[in-house]
Amino acid sequence: MALEPLDQLTGLSYAKGHATGNDFVMLADPEGNLDLQSVHVAALADRHFGLGADGVIRAVPTGRVPDYAYQLDHDPEAYWFMDYRNADGSIAEMCGNGVRLFVHFLVKEQLVELPVGGSLRMGSRAGIKEVTRLENGYAVNLGPWGLVHAEQAAATSLDSTVKVAGWEQARPALSITMGNPHTVVALAELAELDDLDLVHLPEVSPVPENGTNVEFVVPAEPLVSEGTGHVRMRVHERGVGETLSCGTGACAAAAAVRYWARTTAVIDDWVVNIPGGQVGVAFRKNADGTEDVVLSGPAQLVARGTLSPE
């Protein structure tokens, strides 16, 4: 990738951080003046010619985001908006790991005050989200999960197929929405999970209109230990490739395994192990019968800098 797109951002201050290995370039834009283009994002995220990241997150006042300013009218507490872009520059609705780092960034930039135990509401393309600061990280209420093809899923518990490089045949899968699309495939053995070729884009059918993230999951044996479900996961993120972690993907994986196991047990608390570490996923019932999904885990800033004129 050429360096010219970065030249246009000379002097821009940034931070670099990660949440269980899912890494992001963080930009503060309190006046909403930064005209961040897809070519800029792709250049920043390039791991050879840029800073390197799975995505770029801009912190901007919700009222300064034309298509989403209405969120501030609905909830005046949602002052900050998470403008999230994939590594290829494409716009994404949500990133559960990115939300945790986004709020951690706001705290460290002293743009908000958030003590341990306190909560913050924020805007996003997937709606307003609430984040609580924990002793060792953050918990994000990502809102309700859902089935993308509910009628077919109800009939067969499956609604899609996925094929990765090296597989002779496609495998059955279940499509989950967490505000962004996911397609989850269950595998029987950890060895098969470890051997997956996720360098290439998995083939998904039917593929959602805006693409999908694809999760490959192996349930633990036994699945439940001390009331908590355990699974291991790898993920291919749309617009990025394989990442060490995906927050909404972890939620989708837990939701899918929970859905498949519903005839034997309903498990509300899960631990999802990913290459970048471990996150918690909790399902909490609402009065209207829907279920909110709460993702918890760490977030860390590792560097700050200014883009060089070189």
C-alpha atoms as a PDB file:
ATOM      1  CA  MET A   1       0.000   0.000   0.000  1.00  0.00           C
ATOM      2  CA  ALA A   2       1.304   3.453  -0.845  1.00  0.00           C
ATOM      3  CA  LEU A   3       2.071   5.922   1.920  1.00  0.00           C
ATOM      4  CA  GLU A   4       0.284   8.921   0.389  1.00  0.00           C
ATOM      5  CA  PRO A   5      -3.017   8.448   2.298  1.00  0.00           C
ATOM      6  CA  LEU A   6      -1.133   8.747   5.591  1.00  0.00           C
ATOM      7  CA  ASP A   7       0.519  11.976   4.411  1.00  0.00           C
ATOM      8  CA  GLN A   8      -2.907  13.615   4.532  1.00  0.00           C
ATOM      9  CA  LEU A   9      -3.102  12.827   8.271  1.00  0.00           C
ATOM     10  CA  THR A  10       0.324  14.255   9.185  1.00  0.00           C
ATOM     11  CA  GLY A  11       0.417  15.460  12.782  1.00  0.00           C
ATOM     12  CA  LEU A  12      -2.631  13.448  13.858  1.00  0.00           C
ATOM     13  CA  SER A  13      -2.360  12.083  17.390  1.00  0.00           C
ATOM     14  CA  TYR A  14      -3.335   8.469  17.965  1.00  0.00           C
ATOM     15  CA  ALA A  15      -3.245   5.683  20.524  1.00  0.00           C
ATOM     16  CA  LYS A  16      -2.820   1.963  19.889  1.00  0.00           C
ATOM     17  CA  GLY A  17      -4.464  -0.656  22.041  1.00  0.00           C
ATOM     18  CA  HIS A  18      -6.077  -4.065  22.164  1.00  0.00           C
ATOM     19  CA  ALA A  19      -8.773  -6.085  23.891  1.00  0.00           C
ATOM     20  CA  THR A  20      -7.767  -9.760  24.138  1.00  0.00           C
ATOM     21  CA  GLY A  21      -5.492  -9.289  21.146  1.00  0.00           C
ATOM     22  CA  ASN A  22      -8.065  -7.592  18.913  1.00  0.00           C
ATOM     23  CA  ASP A  23      -6.046  -4.431  18.168  1.00  0.00           C
ATOM     24  CA  PHE A  24      -7.148  -0.977  17.089  1.00  0.00           C
ATOM     25  CA  VAL A  25      -5.850   2.474  16.253  1.00  0.00           C
ATOM     26  CA  MET A  26      -7.728   4.963  18.433  1.00  0.00           C
ATOM     27  CA  LEU A  27      -8.449   8.542  17.319  1.00  0.00           C
ATOM     28  CA  ALA A  28     -10.002  11.305  19.425  1.00  0.00           C
ATOM     29  CA  ASP A  29     -12.109  13.768  17.430  1.00  0.00           C
ATOM     30  CA  PRO A  30     -13.916  15.866  20.062  1.00  0.00           C
ATOM     31  CA  GLU A  31     -14.873  18.578  17.559  1.00  0.00           C
ATOM     32  CA  GLY A  32     -16.016  16.159  14.867  1.00  0.00           C
ATOM     33  CA  ASN A  33     -13.744  17.764  12.283  1.00  0.00           C
ATOM     34  CA  LEU A  34     -11.772  14.724  11.137  1.00  0.00           C
ATOM     35  CA  ASP A  35     -12.806  13.653   7.630  1.00  0.00           C
ATOM     36  CA  LEU A  36     -11.740  10.030   7.981  1.00  0.00           C
ATOM     37  CA  GLN A  37     -11.891   8.256   4.623  1.00  0.00           C
ATOM     38  CA  SER A  38     -11.696   4.529   3.921  1.00  0.00           C
ATOM     39  CA  VAL A  39      -8.305   4.981   2.272  1.00  0.00           C
ATOM     40  CA  HIS A  40      -6.997   6.622   5.472  1.00  0.00           C
ATOM     41  CA  VAL A  41      -8.283   3.738   7.591  1.00  0.00           C
ATOM     42  CA  ALA A  42      -6.742   1.108   5.332  1.00  0.00           C
ATOM     43  CA  ALA A  43      -3.415   2.950   5.397  1.00  0.00           C
ATOM     44  CA  LEU A  44      -3.409   3.307   9.198  1.00  0.00           C
ATOM     45  CA  ALA A  45      -4.334  -0.350   9.684  1.00  0.00           C
ATOM     46  CA  ASP A  46      -1.752  -1.687   7.223  1.00  0.00           C
ATOM     47  CA  ARG A  47       0.696  -3.836   9.213  1.00  0.00           C
ATOM     48  CA  HIS A  48       3.663  -3.074   6.945  1.00  0.00           C
ATOM     49  CA  PHE A  49       3.254   0.530   5.800  1.00  0.00           C
ATOM     50  CA  GLY A  50       1.027   1.898   8.561  1.00  0.00           C
ATOM     51  CA  LEU A  51       0.499   1.385  12.280  1.00  0.00           C
ATOM     52  CA  GLY A  52      -1.099  -2.042  11.962  1.00  0.00           C
ATOM     53  CA  ALA A  53      -4.502  -2.919  13.414  1.00  0.00           C
ATOM     54  CA  ASP A  54      -7.651  -4.999  13.009  1.00  0.00           C
ATOM     55  CA  GLY A  55      -9.581  -1.751  12.815  1.00  0.00           C
ATOM     56  CA  VAL A  56      -9.678   1.988  13.457  1.00  0.00           C
ATOM     57  CA  ILE A  57     -11.979   3.614  16.023  1.00  0.00           C
ATOM     58  CA  ARG A  58     -12.779   7.317  16.091  1.00  0.00           C
ATOM     59  CA  ALA A  59     -14.241   8.823  19.271  1.00  0.00           C
ATOM     60  CA  VAL A  60     -16.568  11.610  18.158  1.00  0.00           C
ATOM     61  CA  PRO A  61     -19.568  13.337  19.782  1.00  0.00           C
ATOM     62  CA  THR A  62     -22.771  11.565  18.784  1.00  0.00           C
ATOM     63  CA  GLY A  63     -24.329  14.875  17.820  1.00  0.00           C
ATOM     64  CA  ARG A  64     -21.596  15.316  15.194  1.00  0.00           C
ATOM     65  CA  VAL A  65     -22.468  12.093  13.338  1.00  0.00           C
ATOM     66  CA  PRO A  66     -25.196  13.101  10.857  1.00  0.00           C
ATOM     67  CA  ASP A  67     -26.936   9.745  10.432  1.00  0.00           C
ATOM     68  CA  TYR A  68     -26.842   8.936  14.148  1.00  0.00           C
ATOM     69  CA  ALA A  69     -27.258  12.292  15.879  1.00  0.00           C
ATOM     70  CA  TYR A  70     -30.816  11.205  16.719  1.00  0.00           C
ATOM     71  CA  GLN A  71     -29.354   8.823  19.311  1.00  0.00           C
ATOM     72  CA  LEU A  72     -28.354  11.803  21.430  1.00  0.00           C
ATOM     73  CA  ASP A  73     -31.938  13.075  21.264  1.00  0.00           C
ATOM     74  CA  HIS A  74     -33.182   9.687  22.493  1.00  0.00           C
ATOM     75  CA  ASP A  75     -30.545   9.429  25.215  1.00  0.00           C
ATOM     76  CA  PRO A  76     -28.654  12.602  26.225  1.00  0.00           C
ATOM     77  CA  GLU A  77     -26.191  10.469  28.211  1.00  0.00           C
ATOM     78  CA  ALA A  78     -24.900   8.896  24.986  1.00  0.00           C
ATOM     79  CA  TYR A  79     -22.577  11.824  24.294  1.00  0.00           C
ATOM     80  CA  TRP A  80     -19.768   9.816  22.681  1.00  0.00           C
ATOM     81  CA  PHE A  81     -20.119   7.796  19.483  1.00  0.00           C
ATOM     82  CA  MET A  82     -17.908   4.883  18.445  1.00  0.00           C
ATOM     83  CA  ASP A  83     -17.115   5.329  14.744  1.00  0.00           C
ATOM     84  CA  TYR A  84     -15.668   1.901  13.919  1.00  0.00           C
ATOM     85  CA  ARG A  85     -14.026   0.870  10.638  1.00  0.00           C
ATOM     86  CA  ASN A  86     -12.619  -2.511   9.598  1.00  0.00           C
ATOM     87  CA  ALA A  87      -8.970  -2.799   8.561  1.00  0.00           C
ATOM     88  CA  ASP A  88      -9.893  -2.576   4.871  1.00  0.00           C
ATOM     89  CA  GLY A  89     -11.650   0.750   5.469  1.00  0.00           C
ATOM     90  CA  SER A  90     -15.198  -0.604   5.344  1.00  0.00           C
ATOM     91  CA  ILE A  91     -17.686   0.619   7.930  1.00  0.00           C
ATOM     92  CA  ALA A  92     -18.904  -1.882  10.530  1.00  0.00           C
ATOM     93  CA  GLU A  93     -21.883  -1.753  12.874  1.00  0.00           C
ATOM     94  CA  MET A  94     -20.264  -2.973  16.078  1.00  0.00           C
ATOM     95  CA  CYS A  95     -17.219  -4.570  17.673  1.00  0.00           C
ATOM     96  CA  GLY A  96     -17.556  -5.913  21.203  1.00  0.00           C
ATOM     97  CA  ASN A  97     -13.831  -5.840  21.901  1.00  0.00           C
ATOM     98  CA  GLY A  98     -13.615  -2.421  20.306  1.00  0.00           C
ATOM     99  CA  VAL A  99     -16.312  -1.072  22.629  1.00  0.00           C
ATOM    100  CA  ARG A 100     -14.257  -2.003  25.690  1.00  0.00           C
ATOM    101  CA  LEU A 101     -11.153  -0.340  24.281  1.00  0.00           C
ATOM    102  CA  PHE A 102     -13.217   2.658  23.146  1.00  0.00           C
ATOM    103  CA  VAL A 103     -14.430   3.355  26.684  1.00  0.00           C
ATOM    104  CA  HIS A 104     -10.976   2.664  28.138  1.00  0.00           C
ATOM    105  CA  PHE A 105      -9.588   5.203  25.646  1.00  0.00           C
ATOM    106  CA  LEU A 106     -12.178   7.796  26.708  1.00  0.00           C
ATOM    107  CA  VAL A 107     -11.170   7.257  30.340  1.00  0.00           C
ATOM    108  CA  LYS A 108      -7.429   7.503  29.670  1.00  0.00           C
ATOM    109  CA  GLU A 109      -7.900  10.577  27.453  1.00  0.00           C
ATOM    110  CA  GLN A 110      -9.829  12.139  30.359  1.00  0.00           C
ATOM    111  CA  LEU A 111     -12.801  12.660  28.068  1.00  0.00           C
ATOM    112  CA  VAL A 112     -15.032  10.934  30.631  1.00  0.00           C
ATOM    113  CA  GLU A 113     -14.902  10.115  34.322  1.00  0.00           C
ATOM    114  CA  LEU A 114     -15.820   6.510  35.005  1.00  0.00           C
ATOM    115  CA  PRO A 115     -14.994   4.959  38.391  1.00  0.00           C
ATOM    116  CA  VAL A 116     -14.979   1.206  38.942  1.00  0.00           C
ATOM    117  CA  GLY A 117     -18.616   0.132  39.173  1.00  0.00           C
ATOM    118  CA  GLY A 118     -19.789   3.128  37.146  1.00  0.00           C
ATOM    119  CA  SER A 119     -21.572   2.876  33.794  1.00  0.00           C
ATOM    120  CA  LEU A 120     -21.404   4.865  30.582  1.00  0.00           C
ATOM    121  CA  ARG A 121     -23.864   4.994  27.697  1.00  0.00           C
ATOM    122  CA  MET A 122     -22.480   5.495  24.189  1.00  0.00           C
ATOM    123  CA  GLY A 123     -23.682   5.702  20.606  1.00  0.00           C
ATOM    124  CA  SER A 124     -22.856   3.253  17.832  1.00  0.00           C
ATOM    125  CA  ARG A 125     -24.136   2.085  14.457  1.00  0.00           C
ATOM    126  CA  ALA A 126     -25.698  -0.864  16.303  1.00  0.00           C
ATOM    127  CA  GLY A 127     -27.590   1.413  18.701  1.00  0.00           C
ATOM    128  CA  ILE A 128     -26.879   2.841  22.141  1.00  0.00           C
ATOM    129  CA  LYS A 129     -24.792   0.568  24.353  1.00  0.00           C
ATOM    130  CA  GLU A 130     -24.110   0.616  28.093  1.00  0.00           C
ATOM    131  CA  VAL A 131     -20.626  -0.164  29.423  1.00  0.00           C
ATOM    132  CA  THR A 132     -19.711  -0.808  33.061  1.00  0.00           C
ATOM    133  CA  ARG A 133     -16.179  -0.455  34.367  1.00  0.00           C
ATOM    134  CA  LEU A 134     -14.918  -3.493  36.284  1.00  0.00           C
ATOM    135  CA  GLU A 135     -11.875  -3.986  38.493  1.00  0.00           C
ATOM    136  CA  ASN A 136     -10.047  -5.693  35.637  1.00  0.00           C
ATOM    137  CA  GLY A 137     -11.821  -4.527  32.501  1.00  0.00           C
ATOM    138  CA  TYR A 138     -15.234  -3.590  31.168  1.00  0.00           C
ATOM    139  CA  ALA A 139     -18.637  -5.237  30.689  1.00  0.00           C
ATOM    140  CA  VAL A 140     -20.636  -4.232  27.622  1.00  0.00           C
ATOM    141  CA  ASN A 141     -24.373  -4.763  27.297  1.00  0.00           C
ATOM    142  CA  LEU A 142     -24.617  -5.457  23.578  1.00  0.00           C
ATOM    143  CA  GLY A 143     -28.390  -5.749  23.631  1.00  0.00           C
ATOM    144  CA  PRO A 144     -30.499  -8.610  22.268  1.00  0.00           C
ATOM    145  CA  TRP A 145     -29.144 -11.359  20.052  1.00  0.00           C
ATOM    146  CA  GLY A 146     -31.224 -12.921  17.317  1.00  0.00           C
ATOM    147  CA  LEU A 147     -31.465 -15.565  14.627  1.00  0.00           C
ATOM    148  CA  VAL A 148     -30.879 -14.309  11.103  1.00  0.00           C
ATOM    149  CA  HIS A 149     -33.095 -16.991   9.519  1.00  0.00           C
ATOM    150  CA  ALA A 150     -35.401 -17.677  12.465  1.00  0.00           C
ATOM    151  CA  GLU A 151     -37.942 -19.922  10.720  1.00  0.00           C
ATOM    152  CA  GLN A 152     -35.367 -22.297   9.266  1.00  0.00           C
ATOM    153  CA  ALA A 153     -33.319 -22.284  12.480  1.00  0.00           C
ATOM    154  CA  ALA A 154     -36.398 -23.231  14.488  1.00  0.00           C
ATOM    155  CA  ALA A 155     -37.011 -26.190  12.200  1.00  0.00           C
ATOM    156  CA  THR A 156     -33.487 -27.591  11.909  1.00  0.00           C
ATOM    157  CA  SER A 157     -31.253 -25.542  14.294  1.00  0.00           C
ATOM    158  CA  LEU A 158     -29.171 -24.752  11.209  1.00  0.00           C
ATOM    159  CA  ASP A 159     -29.647 -22.289   8.364  1.00  0.00           C
ATOM    160  CA  SER A 160     -26.383 -21.901   6.445  1.00  0.00           C
ATOM    161  CA  THR A 161     -23.307 -23.728   5.181  1.00  0.00           C
ATOM    162  CA  VAL A 162     -19.636 -22.814   5.451  1.00  0.00           C
ATOM    163  CA  LYS A 163     -16.636 -24.152   3.557  1.00  0.00           C
ATOM    164  CA  VAL A 164     -13.003 -23.321   4.306  1.00  0.00           C
ATOM    165  CA  ALA A 165      -9.913 -24.032   2.245  1.00  0.00           C
ATOM    166  CA  GLY A 166      -8.974 -27.697   2.527  1.00  0.00           C
ATOM    167  CA  TRP A 167     -12.480 -28.983   3.288  1.00  0.00           C
ATOM    168  CA  GLU A 168     -13.983 -31.298   0.699  1.00  0.00           C
ATOM    169  CA  GLN A 169     -17.529 -30.391   1.711  1.00  0.00           C
ATOM    170  CA  ALA A 170     -19.288 -27.436   3.306  1.00  0.00           C
ATOM    171  CA  ARG A 171     -20.395 -27.768   6.937  1.00  0.00           C
ATOM    172  CA  PRO A 172     -23.771 -26.750   8.400  1.00  0.00           C
ATOM    173  CA  ALA A 173     -23.892 -23.518  10.377  1.00  0.00           C
ATOM    174  CA  LEU A 174     -26.196 -21.168  12.274  1.00  0.00           C
ATOM    175  CA  SER A 175     -26.488 -17.440  11.557  1.00  0.00           C
ATOM    176  CA  ILE A 176     -26.651 -15.114  14.569  1.00  0.00           C
ATOM    177  CA  THR A 177     -27.090 -11.348  14.678  1.00  0.00           C
ATOM    178  CA  MET A 178     -25.464  -9.304  17.425  1.00  0.00           C
ATOM    179  CA  GLY A 179     -26.256  -6.048  15.671  1.00  0.00           C
ATOM    180  CA  ASN A 180     -23.723  -7.302  13.133  1.00  0.00           C
ATOM    181  CA  PRO A 181     -23.857 -10.629  11.258  1.00  0.00           C
ATOM    182  CA  HIS A 182     -22.178 -13.882  12.321  1.00  0.00           C
ATOM    183  CA  THR A 183     -22.191 -17.437  11.015  1.00  0.00           C
ATOM    184  CA  VAL A 184     -21.198 -20.117  13.534  1.00  0.00           C
ATOM    185  CA  VAL A 185     -19.847 -23.594  12.724  1.00  0.00           C
ATOM    186  CA  ALA A 186     -19.452 -26.299  15.390  1.00  0.00           C
ATOM    187  CA  LEU A 187     -16.411 -28.573  15.215  1.00  0.00           C
ATOM    188  CA  ALA A 188     -15.887 -31.801  17.138  1.00  0.00           C
ATOM    189  CA  GLU A 189     -12.169 -31.661  17.905  1.00  0.00           C
ATOM    190  CA  LEU A 190      -9.679 -29.038  19.051  1.00  0.00           C
ATOM    191  CA  ALA A 191      -7.165 -30.443  16.565  1.00  0.00           C
ATOM    192  CA  GLU A 192      -9.547 -29.592  13.725  1.00  0.00           C
ATOM    193  CA  LEU A 193      -9.958 -26.074  15.115  1.00  0.00           C
ATOM    194  CA  ASP A 194      -6.194 -25.628  15.349  1.00  0.00           C
ATOM    195  CA  ASP A 195      -5.670 -26.861  11.767  1.00  0.00           C
ATOM    196  CA  LEU A 196      -8.182 -24.523  10.123  1.00  0.00           C
ATOM    197  CA  ASP A 197      -6.952 -22.451   7.190  1.00  0.00           C
ATOM    198  CA  LEU A 198      -8.422 -19.024   7.908  1.00  0.00           C
ATOM    199  CA  VAL A 199      -6.028 -17.141   5.676  1.00  0.00           C
ATOM    200  CA  HIS A 200      -8.604 -17.410   2.923  1.00  0.00           C
ATOM    201  CA  LEU A 201     -12.166 -16.100   3.153  1.00  0.00           C
ATOM    202  CA  PRO A 202     -14.587 -18.897   4.123  1.00  0.00           C
ATOM    203  CA  GLU A 203     -17.378 -19.576   1.645  1.00  0.00           C
ATOM    204  CA  VAL A 204     -20.766 -18.926   3.271  1.00  0.00           C
ATOM    205  CA  SER A 205     -24.152 -19.754   1.774  1.00  0.00           C
ATOM    206  CA  PRO A 206     -26.410 -17.890   1.951  1.00  0.00           C
ATOM    207  CA  VAL A 207     -24.117 -14.968   2.650  1.00  0.00           C
ATOM    208  CA  PRO A 208     -25.789 -11.936   4.291  1.00  0.00           C
ATOM    209  CA  GLU A 209     -26.089  -8.791   2.186  1.00  0.00           C
ATOM    210  CA  ASN A 210     -23.226  -7.012   3.948  1.00  0.00           C
ATOM    211  CA  GLY A 211     -21.056 -10.086   4.459  1.00  0.00           C
ATOM    212  CA  THR A 212     -20.551 -11.984   7.685  1.00  0.00           C
ATOM    213  CA  ASN A 213     -18.059 -12.857  10.397  1.00  0.00           C
ATOM    214  CA  VAL A 214     -17.464 -16.609  10.600  1.00  0.00           C
ATOM    215  CA  GLU A 215     -16.853 -18.335  13.945  1.00  0.00           C
ATOM    216  CA  PHE A 216     -15.587 -21.890  14.399  1.00  0.00           C
ATOM    217  CA  VAL A 217     -16.310 -23.278  17.843  1.00  0.00           C
ATOM    218  CA  VAL A 218     -15.529 -26.412  19.841  1.00  0.00           C
ATOM    219  CA  PRO A 219     -17.663 -26.982  22.960  1.00  0.00           C
ATOM    220  CA  ALA A 220     -15.782 -28.139  26.047  1.00  0.00           C
ATOM    221  CA  GLU A 221     -16.230 -31.661  27.391  1.00  0.00           C
ATOM    222  CA  PRO A 222     -18.132 -31.458  29.627  1.00  0.00           C
ATOM    223  CA  LEU A 223     -19.839 -28.377  28.247  1.00  0.00           C
ATOM    224  CA  VAL A 224     -20.870 -27.064  31.675  1.00  0.00           C
ATOM    225  CA  SER A 225     -18.575 -26.742  34.669  1.00  0.00           C
ATOM    226  CA  GLU A 226     -19.812 -25.179  37.937  1.00  0.00           C
ATOM    227  CA  GLY A 227     -22.821 -23.712  36.132  1.00  0.00           C
ATOM    228  CA  THR A 228     -20.797 -22.050  33.379  1.00  0.00           C
ATOM    229  CA  GLY A 229     -20.539 -23.124  29.742  1.00  0.00           C
ATOM    230  CA  HIS A 230     -17.099 -23.292  28.138  1.00  0.00           C
ATOM    231  CA  VAL A 231     -16.179 -23.125  24.446  1.00  0.00           C
ATOM    232  CA  ARG A 232     -13.087 -22.444  22.357  1.00  0.00           C
ATOM    233  CA  MET A 233     -13.274 -20.346  19.194  1.00  0.00           C
ATOM    234  CA  ARG A 234     -11.433 -19.006  16.177  1.00  0.00           C
ATOM    235  CA  VAL A 235     -12.857 -16.321  13.897  1.00  0.00           C
ATOM    236  CA  HIS A 236     -12.512 -14.869  10.420  1.00  0.00           C
ATOM    237  CA  GLU A 237     -13.737 -11.261  10.523  1.00  0.00           C
ATOM    238  CA  ARG A 238     -15.185  -9.651   7.425  1.00  0.00           C
ATOM    239  CA  GLY A 239     -12.920  -6.980   6.023  1.00  0.00           C
ATOM    240  CA  VAL A 240     -10.032  -8.094   8.246  1.00  0.00           C
ATOM    241  CA  GLY A 241      -9.237 -11.820   8.091  1.00  0.00           C
ATOM    242  CA  GLU A 242      -8.469 -13.985  11.108  1.00  0.00           C
ATOM    243  CA  THR A 243      -8.143 -12.027  14.337  1.00  0.00           C
ATOM    244  CA  LEU A 244      -7.025 -13.085  17.803  1.00  0.00           C
ATOM    245  CA  SER A 245     -10.417 -12.185  19.215  1.00  0.00           C
ATOM    246  CA  CYS A 246     -13.884 -10.955  18.245  1.00  0.00           C
ATOM    247  CA  GLY A 247     -16.201  -9.781  21.012  1.00  0.00           C
ATOM    248  CA  THR A 248     -19.510  -9.994  19.187  1.00  0.00           C
ATOM    249  CA  GLY A 249     -18.205 -13.217  17.627  1.00  0.00           C
ATOM    250  CA  ALA A 250     -17.657 -14.702  21.087  1.00  0.00           C
ATOM    251  CA  CYS A 251     -21.232 -13.744  21.961  1.00  0.00           C
ATOM    252  CA  ALA A 252     -22.536 -15.277  18.735  1.00  0.00           C
ATOM    253  CA  ALA A 253     -20.570 -18.490  19.360  1.00  0.00           C
ATOM    254  CA  ALA A 254     -21.960 -18.801  22.887  1.00  0.00           C
ATOM    255  CA  ALA A 255     -25.479 -18.010  21.624  1.00  0.00           C
ATOM    256  CA  ALA A 256     -25.243 -20.682  18.932  1.00  0.00           C
ATOM    257  CA  VAL A 257     -23.945 -23.418  21.247  1.00  0.00           C
ATOM    258  CA  ARG A 258     -26.541 -22.425  23.830  1.00  0.00           C
ATOM    259  CA  TYR A 259     -29.250 -22.623  21.157  1.00  0.00           C
ATOM    260  CA  TRP A 260     -28.078 -26.065  20.067  1.00  0.00           C
ATOM    261  CA  ALA A 261     -28.019 -27.286  23.691  1.00  0.00           C
ATOM    262  CA  ARG A 262     -31.401 -25.813  24.659  1.00  0.00           C
ATOM    263  CA  THR A 263     -33.145 -29.197  24.817  1.00  0.00           C
ATOM    264  CA  THR A 264     -30.865 -30.338  27.649  1.00  0.00           C
ATOM    265  CA  ALA A 265     -30.026 -27.147  29.533  1.00  0.00           C
ATOM    266  CA  VAL A 266     -30.275 -23.381  29.331  1.00  0.00           C
ATOM    267  CA  ILE A 267     -26.894 -21.967  30.312  1.00  0.00           C
ATOM    268  CA  ASP A 268     -26.758 -18.225  30.961  1.00  0.00           C
ATOM    269  CA  ASP A 269     -23.063 -17.728  31.751  1.00  0.00           C
ATOM    270  CA  TRP A 270     -20.220 -18.645  29.408  1.00  0.00           C
ATOM    271  CA  VAL A 271     -16.461 -18.478  29.137  1.00  0.00           C
ATOM    272  CA  VAL A 272     -15.170 -18.197  25.571  1.00  0.00           C
ATOM    273  CA  ASN A 273     -11.497 -18.940  24.952  1.00  0.00           C
ATOM    274  CA  ILE A 274      -9.980 -17.314  21.900  1.00  0.00           C
ATOM    275  CA  PRO A 275      -6.365 -17.128  20.682  1.00  0.00           C
ATOM    276  CA  GLY A 276      -6.029 -13.698  22.335  1.00  0.00           C
ATOM    277  CA  GLY A 277      -7.231 -14.771  25.775  1.00  0.00           C
ATOM    278  CA  GLN A 278     -10.599 -15.220  27.417  1.00  0.00           C
ATOM    279  CA  VAL A 279     -13.879 -13.287  27.613  1.00  0.00           C
ATOM    280  CA  GLY A 280     -17.097 -13.751  29.533  1.00  0.00           C
ATOM    281  CA  VAL A 281     -20.549 -13.852  27.903  1.00  0.00           C
ATOM    282  CA  ALA A 282     -23.746 -13.599  29.951  1.00  0.00           C
ATOM    283  CA  PHE A 283     -27.374 -13.804  28.830  1.00  0.00           C
ATOM    284  CA  ARG A 284     -29.825 -11.683  30.832  1.00  0.00           C
ATOM    285  CA  LYS A 285     -33.606 -11.850  30.362  1.00  0.00           C
ATOM    286  CA  ASN A 286     -35.656  -8.687  29.824  1.00  0.00           C
ATOM    287  CA  ALA A 287     -39.237  -8.099  30.860  1.00  0.00           C
ATOM    288  CA  ASP A 288     -40.384  -8.299  27.223  1.00  0.00           C
ATOM    289  CA  GLY A 289     -38.954 -11.804  26.809  1.00  0.00           C
ATOM    290  CA  THR A 290     -35.861 -10.795  24.869  1.00  0.00           C
ATOM    291  CA  GLU A 291     -32.359 -11.521  26.141  1.00  0.00           C
ATOM    292  CA  ASP A 292     -29.517  -9.023  26.404  1.00  0.00           C
ATOM    293  CA  VAL A 293     -25.973 -10.273  25.930  1.00  0.00           C
ATOM    294  CA  VAL A 294     -23.262  -8.884  28.214  1.00  0.00           C
ATOM    295  CA  LEU A 295     -19.643  -9.229  27.102  1.00  0.00           C
ATOM    296  CA  SER A 296     -16.861  -8.761  29.667  1.00  0.00           C
ATOM    297  CA  GLY A 297     -13.100  -8.698  29.380  1.00  0.00           C
ATOM    298  CA  PRO A 298      -9.949  -6.577  29.589  1.00  0.00           C
ATOM    299  CA  ALA A 299      -8.783  -3.613  27.483  1.00  0.00           C
ATOM    300  CA  GLN A 300      -5.340  -2.035  27.307  1.00  0.00           C
ATOM    301  CA  LEU A 301      -3.620   0.902  25.607  1.00  0.00           C
ATOM    302  CA  VAL A 302      -0.042   0.080  24.608  1.00  0.00           C
ATOM    303  CA  ALA A 303       1.250   3.160  22.773  1.00  0.00           C
ATOM    304  CA  ARG A 304       0.620   6.774  21.807  1.00  0.00           C
ATOM    305  CA  GLY A 305       2.104   8.812  19.015  1.00  0.00           C
ATOM    306  CA  THR A 306       1.772  11.390  16.263  1.00  0.00           C
ATOM    307  CA  LEU A 307       1.789  10.574  12.569  1.00  0.00           C
ATOM    308  CA  SER A 308       5.096  11.614  11.049  1.00  0.00           C
ATOM    309  CA  PRO A 309       5.406  13.951   8.035  1.00  0.00           C
ATOM    310  CA  GLU A 310       7.670  11.242   6.563  1.00  0.00           C
END
